[in-house]
PDB file of N, CA and C in Angstrom:
ATOM      1  N   MET A   1      45.823 -38.066  -8.862  1.00  0.00           N
ATOM      2  CA  MET A   1      45.845 -37.041  -7.835  1.00  0.00           C
ATOM      3  C   MET A   1      45.439 -35.688  -8.422  1.00  0.00           C
ATOM      4  N   PHE A   2      46.046 -35.340  -9.565  1.00  0.00           N
ATOM      5  CA  PHE A   2      45.737 -34.070 -10.206  1.00  0.00           C
ATOM      6  C   PHE A   2      44.273 -34.025 -10.639  1.00  0.00           C
ATOM      7  N   ARG A   3      43.760 -35.165 -11.132  1.00  0.00           N
ATOM      8  CA  ARG A   3      42.384 -35.248 -11.581  1.00  0.00           C
ATOM      9  C   ARG A   3      41.418 -35.044 -10.410  1.00  0.00           C
ATOM     10  N   ALA A   4      41.705 -35.589  -9.244  1.00  0.00           N
ATOM     11  CA  ALA A   4      40.851 -35.427  -8.065  1.00  0.00           C
ATOM     12  C   ALA A   4      40.795 -33.962  -7.628  1.00  0.00           C
ATOM     13  N   ILE A   5      41.918 -33.290  -7.644  1.00  0.00           N
ATOM     14  CA  ILE A   5      41.950 -31.873  -7.274  1.00  0.00           C
ATOM     15  C   ILE A   5      41.159 -31.054  -8.290  1.00  0.00           C
ATOM     16  N   LEU A   6      41.296 -31.376  -9.566  1.00  0.00           N
ATOM     17  CA  LEU A   6      40.546 -30.678 -10.618  1.00  0.00           C
ATOM     18  C   LEU A   6      39.046 -30.882 -10.425  1.00  0.00           C
ATOM     19  N   TYR A   7      38.615 -32.116 -10.152  1.00  0.00           N
ATOM     20  CA  TYR A   7      37.197 -32.383  -9.891  1.00  0.00           C
ATOM     21  C   TYR A   7      36.701 -31.626  -8.665  1.00  0.00           C
ATOM     22  N   LEU A   8      37.507 -31.559  -7.632  1.00  0.00           N
ATOM     23  CA  LEU A   8      37.129 -30.834  -6.424  1.00  0.00           C
ATOM     24  C   LEU A   8      36.939 -29.344  -6.715  1.00  0.00           C
ATOM     25  N   ILE A   9      37.837 -28.766  -7.491  1.00  0.00           N
ATOM     26  CA  ILE A   9      37.721 -27.351  -7.846  1.00  0.00           C
ATOM     27  C   ILE A   9      36.473 -27.108  -8.681  1.00  0.00           C
ATOM     28  N   ILE A  10      36.194 -27.997  -9.627  1.00  0.00           N
ATOM     29  CA  ILE A  10      35.005 -27.868 -10.462  1.00  0.00           C
ATOM     30  C   ILE A  10      33.738 -27.958  -9.607  1.00  0.00           C
ATOM     31  N   VAL A  11      33.690 -28.882  -8.681  1.00  0.00           N
ATOM     32  CA  VAL A  11      32.534 -29.050  -7.805  1.00  0.00           C
ATOM     33  C   VAL A  11      32.330 -27.798  -6.952  1.00  0.00           C
ATOM     34  N   VAL A  12      33.399 -27.241  -6.420  1.00  0.00           N
ATOM     35  CA  VAL A  12      33.291 -26.029  -5.600  1.00  0.00           C
ATOM     36  C   VAL A  12      32.736 -24.877  -6.439  1.00  0.00           C
ATOM     37  N   PHE A  13      33.227 -24.711  -7.668  1.00  0.00           N
ATOM     38  CA  PHE A  13      32.715 -23.655  -8.541  1.00  0.00           C
ATOM     39  C   PHE A  13      31.254 -23.885  -8.896  1.00  0.00           C
ATOM     40  N   LEU A  14      30.879 -25.127  -9.162  1.00  0.00           N
ATOM     41  CA  LEU A  14      29.484 -25.416  -9.486  1.00  0.00           C
ATOM     42  C   LEU A  14      28.558 -25.124  -8.302  1.00  0.00           C
ATOM     43  N   ILE A  15      28.969 -25.536  -7.116  1.00  0.00           N
ATOM     44  CA  ILE A  15      28.156 -25.263  -5.923  1.00  0.00           C
ATOM     45  C   ILE A  15      28.027 -23.764  -5.706  1.00  0.00           C
ATOM     46  N   THR A  16      29.116 -23.033  -5.868  1.00  0.00           N
ATOM     47  CA  THR A  16      29.079 -21.575  -5.711  1.00  0.00           C
ATOM     48  C   THR A  16      28.138 -20.945  -6.744  1.00  0.00           C
ATOM     49  N   PHE A  17      28.216 -21.403  -7.976  1.00  0.00           N
ATOM     50  CA  PHE A  17      27.364 -20.873  -9.029  1.00  0.00           C
ATOM     51  C   PHE A  17      25.885 -21.164  -8.749  1.00  0.00           C
ATOM     52  N   VAL A  18      25.581 -22.384  -8.343  1.00  0.00           N
ATOM     53  CA  VAL A  18      24.190 -22.759  -8.053  1.00  0.00           C
ATOM     54  C   VAL A  18      23.655 -21.938  -6.881  1.00  0.00           C
ATOM     55  N   ARG A  19      24.465 -21.753  -5.840  1.00  0.00           N
ATOM     56  CA  ARG A  19      24.037 -20.933  -4.700  1.00  0.00           C
ATOM     57  C   ARG A  19      23.771 -19.500  -5.120  1.00  0.00           C
ATOM     58  N   MET A  20      24.607 -18.957  -6.002  1.00  0.00           N
ATOM     59  CA  MET A  20      24.438 -17.594  -6.473  1.00  0.00           C
ATOM     60  C   MET A  20      23.135 -17.459  -7.265  1.00  0.00           C
ATOM     61  N   VAL A  21      22.873 -18.414  -8.153  1.00  0.00           N
ATOM     62  CA  VAL A  21      21.657 -18.367  -8.957  1.00  0.00           C
ATOM     63  C   VAL A  21      20.420 -18.518  -8.071  1.00  0.00           C
ATOM     64  N   LEU A  22      20.439 -19.458  -7.154  1.00  0.00           N
ATOM     65  CA  LEU A  22      19.297 -19.639  -6.255  1.00  0.00           C
ATOM     66  C   LEU A  22      19.074 -18.409  -5.374  1.00  0.00           C
ATOM     67  N   GLY A  23      20.147 -17.812  -4.893  1.00  0.00           N
ATOM     68  CA  GLY A  23      20.017 -16.594  -4.091  1.00  0.00           C
ATOM     69  C   GLY A  23      19.394 -15.462  -4.875  1.00  0.00           C
ATOM     70  N   LEU A  24      19.806 -15.318  -6.128  1.00  0.00           N
ATOM     71  CA  LEU A  24      19.238 -14.286  -6.996  1.00  0.00           C
ATOM     72  C   LEU A  24      17.757 -14.534  -7.234  1.00  0.00           C
ATOM     73  N   ILE A  25      17.396 -15.781  -7.484  1.00  0.00           N
ATOM     74  CA  ILE A  25      15.990 -16.130  -7.702  1.00  0.00           C
ATOM     75  C   ILE A  25      15.170 -15.848  -6.447  1.00  0.00           C
ATOM     76  N   MET A  26      15.666 -16.248  -5.296  1.00  0.00           N
ATOM     77  CA  MET A  26      14.923 -16.035  -4.049  1.00  0.00           C
ATOM     78  C   MET A  26      14.779 -14.544  -3.739  1.00  0.00           C
ATOM     79  N   ARG A  27      15.837 -13.781  -3.967  1.00  0.00           N
ATOM     80  CA  ARG A  27      15.782 -12.342  -3.712  1.00  0.00           C
ATOM     81  C   ARG A  27      14.759 -11.680  -4.635  1.00  0.00           C
ATOM     82  N   THR A  28      14.745 -12.070  -5.900  1.00  0.00           N
ATOM     83  CA  THR A  28      13.795 -11.506  -6.858  1.00  0.00           C
ATOM     84  C   THR A  28      12.364 -11.865  -6.478  1.00  0.00           C
ATOM     85  N   MET A  29      12.153 -13.113  -6.075  1.00  0.00           N
ATOM     86  CA  MET A  29      10.811 -13.530  -5.649  1.00  0.00           C
ATOM     87  C   MET A  29      10.357 -12.741  -4.425  1.00  0.00           C
ATOM     88  N   GLY A  30      11.274 -12.529  -3.478  1.00  0.00           N
ATOM     89  CA  GLY A  30      10.934 -11.763  -2.286  1.00  0.00           C
ATOM     90  C   GLY A  30      10.564 -10.333  -2.607  1.00  0.00           C
ATOM     91  N   GLU A  31      11.295  -9.706  -3.522  1.00  0.00           N
ATOM     92  CA  GLU A  31      10.973  -8.342  -3.916  1.00  0.00           C
ATOM     93  C   GLU A  31       9.635  -8.274  -4.647  1.00  0.00           C
ATOM     94  N   MET A  32       9.349  -9.283  -5.456  1.00  0.00           N
ATOM     95  CA  MET A  32       8.063  -9.311  -6.146  1.00  0.00           C
ATOM     96  C   MET A  32       6.918  -9.450  -5.158  1.00  0.00           C
ATOM     97  N   MET A  33       7.102 -10.283  -4.164  1.00  0.00           N
ATOM     98  CA  MET A  33       6.048 -10.476  -3.166  1.00  0.00           C
ATOM     99  C   MET A  33       5.828  -9.198  -2.361  1.00  0.00           C
ATOM    100  N   ARG A  34       6.906  -8.518  -2.017  1.00  0.00           N
ATOM    101  CA  ARG A  34       6.792  -7.285  -1.247  1.00  0.00           C
ATOM    102  C   ARG A  34       6.112  -6.195  -2.065  1.00  0.00           C
ATOM    103  N   SER A  35       6.434  -6.074  -3.335  1.00  0.00           N
ATOM    104  CA  SER A  35       5.874  -4.998  -4.147  1.00  0.00           C
ATOM    105  C   SER A  35       4.404  -5.251  -4.487  1.00  0.00           C
ATOM    106  N   GLU A  36       3.978  -6.520  -4.544  1.00  0.00           N
ATOM    107  CA  GLU A  36       2.592  -6.825  -4.866  1.00  0.00           C
ATOM    108  C   GLU A  36       1.676  -6.752  -3.659  1.00  0.00           C
ATOM    109  N   ALA A  37       2.215  -6.872  -2.472  1.00  0.00           N
ATOM    110  CA  ALA A  37       1.384  -6.860  -1.276  1.00  0.00           C
ATOM    111  C   ALA A  37       0.836  -5.458  -1.055  1.00  0.00           C
ATOM    112  N   PRO A  38      -0.474  -5.324  -0.872  1.00  0.00           N
ATOM    113  CA  PRO A  38      -1.031  -3.995  -0.623  1.00  0.00           C
ATOM    114  C   PRO A  38      -0.587  -3.489   0.748  1.00  0.00           C
ATOM    115  N   ALA A  39      -0.488  -2.201   0.839  1.00  0.00           N
ATOM    116  CA  ALA A  39      -0.108  -1.596   2.116  1.00  0.00           C
ATOM    117  C   ALA A  39      -1.223  -1.871   3.109  1.00  0.00           C
ATOM    118  N   SER A  40      -0.899  -2.510   4.201  1.00  0.00           N
ATOM    119  CA  SER A  40      -1.923  -2.853   5.181  1.00  0.00           C
ATOM    120  C   SER A  40      -2.310  -1.607   5.967  1.00  0.00           C
ATOM    121  N   PRO A  41      -3.600  -1.429   6.161  1.00  0.00           N
ATOM    122  CA  PRO A  41      -4.024  -0.268   6.941  1.00  0.00           C
ATOM    123  C   PRO A  41      -3.580  -0.432   8.393  1.00  0.00           C
ATOM    124  N   SER A  42      -3.332   0.671   9.018  1.00  0.00           N
ATOM    125  CA  SER A  42      -2.882   0.617  10.402  1.00  0.00           C
ATOM    126  C   SER A  42      -4.034   0.148  11.282  1.00  0.00           C
ATOM    127  N   PRO A  43      -3.736  -0.546  12.389  1.00  0.00           N
ATOM    128  CA  PRO A  43      -4.797  -1.077  13.245  1.00  0.00           C
ATOM    129  C   PRO A  43      -5.670   0.023  13.817  1.00  0.00           C
ATOM    130  N   ALA A  44      -6.956  -0.215  13.793  1.00  0.00           N
ATOM    131  CA  ALA A  44      -7.962   0.667  14.386  1.00  0.00           C
ATOM    132  C   ALA A  44      -7.966   2.046  13.756  1.00  0.00           C
ATOM    133  N   GLY A  45      -7.496   2.173  12.518  1.00  0.00           N
ATOM    134  CA  GLY A  45      -7.588   3.432  11.811  1.00  0.00           C
ATOM    135  C   GLY A  45      -6.613   4.506  12.256  1.00  0.00           C
ATOM    136  N   ARG A  46      -5.625   4.170  13.031  1.00  0.00           N
ATOM    137  CA  ARG A  46      -4.634   5.163  13.464  1.00  0.00           C
ATOM    138  C   ARG A  46      -3.680   5.471  12.328  1.00  0.00           C
ATOM    139  N   PRO A  47      -3.165   6.692  12.289  1.00  0.00           N
ATOM    140  CA  PRO A  47      -2.148   6.988  11.282  1.00  0.00           C
ATOM    141  C   PRO A  47      -0.869   6.219  11.576  1.00  0.00           C
ATOM    142  N   PRO A  48      -0.159   5.717  10.543  1.00  0.00           N
ATOM    143  CA  PRO A  48       1.026   4.900  10.775  1.00  0.00           C
ATOM    144  C   PRO A  48       2.196   5.664  11.378  1.00  0.00           C
ATOM    145  N   SER A  49       2.166   6.995  11.312  1.00  0.00           N
ATOM    146  CA  SER A  49       3.283   7.771  11.822  1.00  0.00           C
ATOM    147  C   SER A  49       3.070   8.237  13.266  1.00  0.00           C
ATOM    148  N   ALA A  50       2.211   7.565  14.004  1.00  0.00           N
ATOM    149  CA  ALA A  50       1.952   7.953  15.384  1.00  0.00           C
ATOM    150  C   ALA A  50       3.206   7.760  16.219  1.00  0.00           C
ATOM    151  N   PRO A  51       3.537   8.731  17.055  1.00  0.00           N
ATOM    152  CA  PRO A  51       4.746   8.586  17.872  1.00  0.00           C
ATOM    153  C   PRO A  51       4.590   7.489  18.909  1.00  0.00           C
ATOM    154  N   ILE A  52       5.631   6.714  19.083  1.00  0.00           N
ATOM    155  CA  ILE A  52       5.607   5.646  20.069  1.00  0.00           C
ATOM    156  C   ILE A  52       6.711   5.954  21.072  1.00  0.00           C
ATOM    157  N   SER A  53       6.384   6.770  22.023  1.00  0.00           N
ATOM    158  CA  SER A  53       7.358   7.135  23.045  1.00  0.00           C
ATOM    159  C   SER A  53       6.610   7.670  24.253  1.00  0.00           C
ATOM    160  N   GLY A  54       7.330   7.868  25.308  1.00  0.00           N
ATOM    161  CA  GLY A  54       6.719   8.416  26.513  1.00  0.00           C
ATOM    162  C   GLY A  54       6.245   7.334  27.459  1.00  0.00           C
ATOM    163  N   GLU A  55       5.319   7.714  28.314  1.00  0.00           N
ATOM    164  CA  GLU A  55       4.822   6.815  29.357  1.00  0.00           C
ATOM    165  C   GLU A  55       3.916   5.743  28.755  1.00  0.00           C
ATOM    166  N   LEU A  56       4.040   4.520  29.274  1.00  0.00           N
ATOM    167  CA  LEU A  56       3.204   3.413  28.820  1.00  0.00           C
ATOM    168  C   LEU A  56       2.174   3.069  29.881  1.00  0.00           C
ATOM    169  N   LYS A  57       0.977   2.752  29.443  1.00  0.00           N
ATOM    170  CA  LYS A  57      -0.101   2.298  30.317  1.00  0.00           C
ATOM    171  C   LYS A  57      -0.572   0.942  29.824  1.00  0.00           C
ATOM    172  N   ARG A  58      -1.023   0.113  30.744  1.00  0.00           N
ATOM    173  CA  ARG A  58      -1.476  -1.226  30.380  1.00  0.00           C
ATOM    174  C   ARG A  58      -2.966  -1.217  30.059  1.00  0.00           C
ATOM    175  N   ASP A  59      -3.306  -1.840  28.944  1.00  0.00           N
ATOM    176  CA  ASP A  59      -4.693  -1.985  28.526  1.00  0.00           C
ATOM    177  C   ASP A  59      -5.358  -2.998  29.455  1.00  0.00           C
ATOM    178  N   PRO A  60      -6.432  -2.614  30.169  1.00  0.00           N
ATOM    179  CA  PRO A  60      -7.059  -3.545  31.117  1.00  0.00           C
ATOM    180  C   PRO A  60      -7.804  -4.704  30.446  1.00  0.00           C
ATOM    181  N   VAL A  61      -8.063  -4.633  29.159  1.00  0.00           N
ATOM    182  CA  VAL A  61      -8.793  -5.700  28.469  1.00  0.00           C
ATOM    183  C   VAL A  61      -7.842  -6.771  27.951  1.00  0.00           C
ATOM    184  N   CYS A  62      -6.867  -6.370  27.126  1.00  0.00           N
ATOM    185  CA  CYS A  62      -5.990  -7.367  26.499  1.00  0.00           C
ATOM    186  C   CYS A  62      -4.608  -7.424  27.144  1.00  0.00           C
ATOM    187  N   GLY A  63      -4.264  -6.449  27.966  1.00  0.00           N
ATOM    188  CA  GLY A  63      -3.006  -6.496  28.695  1.00  0.00           C
ATOM    189  C   GLY A  63      -1.802  -5.926  27.966  1.00  0.00           C
ATOM    190  N   THR A  64      -1.983  -5.400  26.757  1.00  0.00           N
ATOM    191  CA  THR A  64      -0.842  -4.820  26.053  1.00  0.00           C
ATOM    192  C   THR A  64      -0.527  -3.443  26.623  1.00  0.00           C
ATOM    193  N   PHE A  65       0.718  -3.034  26.468  1.00  0.00           N
ATOM    194  CA  PHE A  65       1.135  -1.716  26.920  1.00  0.00           C
ATOM    195  C   PHE A  65       1.047  -0.745  25.752  1.00  0.00           C
ATOM    196  N   VAL A  66       0.430   0.401  25.999  1.00  0.00           N
ATOM    197  CA  VAL A  66       0.251   1.404  24.951  1.00  0.00           C
ATOM    198  C   VAL A  66       0.807   2.744  25.426  1.00  0.00           C
ATOM    199  N   PRO A  67       1.385   3.536  24.499  1.00  0.00           N
ATOM    200  CA  PRO A  67       1.849   4.868  24.869  1.00  0.00           C
ATOM    201  C   PRO A  67       0.662   5.762  25.202  1.00  0.00           C
ATOM    202  N   VAL A  68       0.819   6.583  26.202  1.00  0.00           N
ATOM    203  CA  VAL A  68      -0.250   7.481  26.618  1.00  0.00           C
ATOM    204  C   VAL A  68      -0.624   8.436  25.483  1.00  0.00           C
ATOM    205  N   SER A  69       0.363   8.826  24.680  1.00  0.00           N
ATOM    206  CA  SER A  69       0.111   9.797  23.612  1.00  0.00           C
ATOM    207  C   SER A  69      -0.792   9.260  22.509  1.00  0.00           C
ATOM    208  N   THR A  70      -0.841   7.959  22.304  1.00  0.00           N
ATOM    209  CA  THR A  70      -1.653   7.400  21.217  1.00  0.00           C
ATOM    210  C   THR A  70      -2.776   6.497  21.715  1.00  0.00           C
ATOM    211  N   ALA A  71      -2.968   6.396  23.007  1.00  0.00           N
ATOM    212  CA  ALA A  71      -3.955   5.472  23.563  1.00  0.00           C
ATOM    213  C   ALA A  71      -5.372   6.009  23.400  1.00  0.00           C
ATOM    214  N   TYR A  72      -6.301   5.072  23.296  1.00  0.00           N
ATOM    215  CA  TYR A  72      -7.716   5.412  23.371  1.00  0.00           C
ATOM    216  C   TYR A  72      -8.041   5.514  24.855  1.00  0.00           C
ATOM    217  N   ARG A  73      -8.796   6.528  25.230  1.00  0.00           N
ATOM    218  CA  ARG A  73      -9.068   6.764  26.650  1.00  0.00           C
ATOM    219  C   ARG A  73     -10.551   6.616  26.956  1.00  0.00           C
ATOM    220  N   LYS A  74     -10.810   6.207  28.184  1.00  0.00           N
ATOM    221  CA  LYS A  74     -12.184   6.122  28.674  1.00  0.00           C
ATOM    222  C   LYS A  74     -12.150   6.435  30.159  1.00  0.00           C
ATOM    223  N   THR A  75     -13.036   7.314  30.606  1.00  0.00           N
ATOM    224  CA  THR A  75     -13.106   7.669  32.020  1.00  0.00           C
ATOM    225  C   THR A  75     -14.300   6.959  32.638  1.00  0.00           C
ATOM    226  N   VAL A  76     -14.018   6.180  33.686  1.00  0.00           N
ATOM    227  CA  VAL A  76     -15.057   5.445  34.393  1.00  0.00           C
ATOM    228  C   VAL A  76     -14.957   5.809  35.865  1.00  0.00           C
ATOM    229  N   LYS A  77     -16.037   6.356  36.424  1.00  0.00           N
ATOM    230  CA  LYS A  77     -16.104   6.743  37.836  1.00  0.00           C
ATOM    231  C   LYS A  77     -14.926   7.639  38.225  1.00  0.00           C
ATOM    232  N   GLY A  78     -14.604   8.569  37.356  1.00  0.00           N
ATOM    233  CA  GLY A  78     -13.551   9.528  37.636  1.00  0.00           C
ATOM    234  C   GLY A  78     -12.133   9.035  37.390  1.00  0.00           C
ATOM    235  N   GLU A  79     -11.973   7.763  37.028  1.00  0.00           N
ATOM    236  CA  GLU A  79     -10.636   7.225  36.761  1.00  0.00           C
ATOM    237  C   GLU A  79     -10.481   6.993  35.257  1.00  0.00           C
ATOM    238  N   GLN A  80      -9.331   7.441  34.746  1.00  0.00           N
ATOM    239  CA  GLN A  80      -9.102   7.335  33.308  1.00  0.00           C
ATOM    240  C   GLN A  80      -8.335   6.048  32.981  1.00  0.00           C
ATOM    241  N   TYR A  81      -8.824   5.305  31.987  1.00  0.00           N
ATOM    242  CA  TYR A  81      -8.198   4.077  31.528  1.00  0.00           C
ATOM    243  C   TYR A  81      -7.689   4.288  30.107  1.00  0.00           C
ATOM    244  N   HIS A  82      -6.605   3.575  29.753  1.00  0.00           N
ATOM    245  CA  HIS A  82      -5.994   3.683  28.435  1.00  0.00           C
ATOM    246  C   HIS A  82      -6.110   2.341  27.727  1.00  0.00           C
ATOM    247  N   PHE A  83      -6.485   2.386  26.429  1.00  0.00           N
ATOM    248  CA  PHE A  83      -6.725   1.179  25.647  1.00  0.00           C
ATOM    249  C   PHE A  83      -5.922   1.209  24.350  1.00  0.00           C
ATOM    250  N   CYS A  84      -5.609   0.021  23.819  1.00  0.00           N
ATOM    251  CA  CYS A  84      -4.830  -0.070  22.581  1.00  0.00           C
ATOM    252  C   CYS A  84      -5.687   0.165  21.353  1.00  0.00           C
ATOM    253  N   SER A  85      -6.981  -0.084  21.448  1.00  0.00           N
ATOM    254  CA  SER A  85      -7.853   0.066  20.281  1.00  0.00           C
ATOM    255  C   SER A  85      -9.260   0.440  20.735  1.00  0.00           C
ATOM    256  N   ALA A  86     -10.048   0.866  19.756  1.00  0.00           N
ATOM    257  CA  ALA A  86     -11.436   1.209  20.054  1.00  0.00           C
ATOM    258  C   ALA A  86     -12.221  -0.042  20.455  1.00  0.00           C
ATOM    259  N   GLU A  87     -11.841  -1.198  19.891  1.00  0.00           N
ATOM    260  CA  GLU A  87     -12.527  -2.438  20.247  1.00  0.00           C
ATOM    261  C   GLU A  87     -12.332  -2.770  21.727  1.00  0.00           C
ATOM    262  N   CYS A  88     -11.086  -2.642  22.206  1.00  0.00           N
ATOM    263  CA  CYS A  88     -10.831  -2.922  23.626  1.00  0.00           C
ATOM    264  C   CYS A  88     -11.559  -1.917  24.509  1.00  0.00           C
ATOM    265  N   ARG A  89     -11.570  -0.651  24.075  1.00  0.00           N
ATOM    266  CA  ARG A  89     -12.263   0.371  24.856  1.00  0.00           C
ATOM    267  C   ARG A  89     -13.745   0.047  24.955  1.00  0.00           C
ATOM    268  N   ASP A  90     -14.349  -0.415  23.866  1.00  0.00           N
ATOM    269  CA  ASP A  90     -15.784  -0.714  23.861  1.00  0.00           C
ATOM    270  C   ASP A  90     -16.087  -1.996  24.640  1.00  0.00           C
ATOM    271  N   LYS A  91     -15.143  -2.961  24.706  1.00  0.00           N
ATOM    272  CA  LYS A  91     -15.348  -4.196  25.458  1.00  0.00           C
ATOM    273  C   LYS A  91     -15.280  -3.981  26.967  1.00  0.00           C
ATOM    274  N   TYR A  92     -14.551  -2.932  27.398  1.00  0.00           N
ATOM    275  CA  TYR A  92     -14.321  -2.739  28.832  1.00  0.00           C
ATOM    276  C   TYR A  92     -15.627  -2.433  29.541  1.00  0.00           C
ATOM    277  N   ALA A  93     -15.934  -3.245  30.552  1.00  0.00           N
ATOM    278  CA  ALA A  93     -17.185  -3.094  31.296  1.00  0.00           C
ATOM    279  C   ALA A  93     -17.010  -2.151  32.478  1.00  0.00           C
ATOM    280  N   GLY A  94     -15.781  -2.044  32.995  1.00  0.00           N
ATOM    281  CA  GLY A  94     -15.385  -1.165  34.079  1.00  0.00           C
ATOM    282  C   GLY A  94     -16.330  -1.105  35.184  1.00  0.00           C
TER     283      GLY A  94
END
């Protein structure tokens, strides 16, 4: 009986130790991957610190909602349209 309890305690400590070591290895690998990844440029050349607040308008090409303050604009027949990117603005046939 005493031997079974001792084995159980040893197994619990071993499992805890293995989990701790694996967690440390995974965390270190994740930090290495994050630090080696180059900073991705922001989509369509926008600055990454653009404010995302205020009124939202729907892009007529891809359907995403974009803030009016950072949207690409195009006026067609007196009506102004808002786009998420220069590519969507250029695709719009209006």
